[in-house]
Amino acid sequence: MANNIFDKAGDRFSFVAHGVTLKCERMNLPRVIAFNIVFSSSRKPIVITKAKNAEKKEFWTSVPEGRQQEAEGVGRLIEEYLTNRDK
């Protein structure tokens, strides 16, 4: 993904969604879009990354795997936040 909303390695930001503050940091990993997210609620922190399925469709997943539904939801929230922030 070249030149898009995810290009700012080391970028830190926070926003509120559904009454919870998400503190996010874009991780500096080669060839991987990943974020470390810390929640203001009792929810455990999560690391999410974008991956591609067999049909080359991108999706968000947790690292390590196991919190797929949460990763997809948080990933969509981050995309929405960054798109609106950069306008």
Protein backbone atom coordinates (compact mmCIF):
# COMPACT_ATOMS: atom_id res chain seq x y z
CA MET A 1 0.00 0.00 0.00
CA ALA A 2 1.84 3.04 -1.20
CA ASN A 3 1.05 6.60 -0.19
CA ASN A 4 -2.12 6.19 1.83
CA ILE A 5 -3.55 6.93 5.27
CA PHE A 6 -1.34 4.25 6.86
CA ASP A 7 2.03 5.57 5.66
CA LYS A 8 3.00 7.43 8.83
CA ALA A 9 5.18 4.88 10.66
CA GLY A 10 5.35 5.60 14.38
CA ASP A 11 2.18 7.69 14.16
CA ARG A 12 0.35 7.90 17.49
CA PHE A 13 -3.23 9.04 17.85
CA SER A 14 -6.30 8.44 19.97
CA PHE A 15 -10.02 8.74 19.46
CA VAL A 16 -13.25 7.79 21.20
CA ALA A 17 -15.60 5.14 19.79
CA HIS A 18 -18.63 3.75 21.58
CA GLY A 19 -17.62 5.55 24.78
CA VAL A 20 -14.12 4.01 24.87
CA THR A 21 -10.87 5.81 24.09
CA LEU A 22 -8.57 3.89 21.74
CA LYS A 23 -4.89 4.85 22.00
CA CYS A 24 -3.25 3.70 18.77
CA GLU A 25 0.32 3.50 17.55
CA ARG A 26 1.34 2.57 14.00
CA MET A 27 4.11 0.03 14.44
CA ASN A 28 7.30 0.33 12.41
CA LEU A 29 7.38 -3.10 10.77
CA PRO A 30 8.75 -3.82 7.29
CA ARG A 31 6.06 -4.38 4.62
CA VAL A 32 3.32 -4.71 7.26
CA ILE A 33 0.62 -2.32 8.35
CA ALA A 34 0.16 -2.93 12.08
CA PHE A 35 -1.24 -1.03 15.04
CA ASN A 36 -0.94 -1.50 18.78
CA ILE A 37 -4.20 -0.44 20.45
CA VAL A 38 -4.75 0.22 24.15
CA PHE A 39 -8.32 0.69 25.34
CA SER A 40 -9.52 2.95 28.18
CA SER A 41 -11.88 0.13 29.24
CA SER A 42 -10.91 -3.15 30.87
CA ARG A 43 -10.44 -4.74 27.42
CA LYS A 44 -6.92 -6.12 26.91
CA PRO A 45 -4.65 -4.32 24.41
CA ILE A 46 -4.58 -5.73 20.90
CA VAL A 47 -2.20 -5.66 17.95
CA ILE A 48 -3.88 -5.74 14.57
CA THR A 49 -2.52 -5.98 11.06
CA LYS A 50 -3.84 -6.09 7.53
CA ALA A 51 -3.57 -9.38 5.70
CA LYS A 52 -4.84 -10.79 2.39
CA ASN A 53 -6.97 -13.89 1.94
CA ALA A 54 -6.68 -16.41 -0.91
CA GLU A 55 -8.69 -14.09 -3.17
CA LYS A 56 -6.24 -11.21 -2.40
CA LYS A 57 -8.93 -9.35 -0.44
CA GLU A 58 -7.53 -7.36 2.51
CA PHE A 59 -8.85 -7.86 6.02
CA TRP A 60 -7.84 -6.96 9.57
CA THR A 61 -6.61 -9.69 11.91
CA SER A 62 -5.16 -9.82 15.41
CA VAL A 63 -1.58 -10.77 16.26
CA PRO A 64 -1.53 -13.37 17.58
CA GLU A 65 -4.71 -14.68 16.01
CA GLY A 66 -7.76 -15.29 18.13
CA ARG A 67 -9.51 -11.91 18.32
CA GLN A 68 -10.63 -11.76 14.69
CA GLN A 69 -14.01 -10.10 15.15
CA GLU A 70 -12.51 -7.45 17.42
CA ALA A 71 -9.61 -6.84 14.99
CA GLU A 72 -12.01 -6.30 12.08
CA GLY A 73 -14.10 -3.81 14.07
CA VAL A 74 -11.14 -1.88 15.45
CA GLY A 75 -9.48 -1.84 12.02
CA ARG A 76 -12.57 -0.28 10.45
CA LEU A 77 -12.67 2.35 13.22
CA ILE A 78 -9.00 3.22 12.62
CA GLU A 79 -9.52 3.50 8.86
CA GLU A 80 -12.51 5.80 9.42
CA TYR A 81 -10.62 7.94 11.93
CA LEU A 82 -7.52 8.32 9.71
CA THR A 83 -9.58 9.08 6.60
CA ASN A 84 -11.47 11.84 8.42
CA ARG A 85 -8.35 13.17 10.17
CA ASP A 86 -6.40 13.57 6.95
CA LYS A 87 -9.14 15.51 5.10
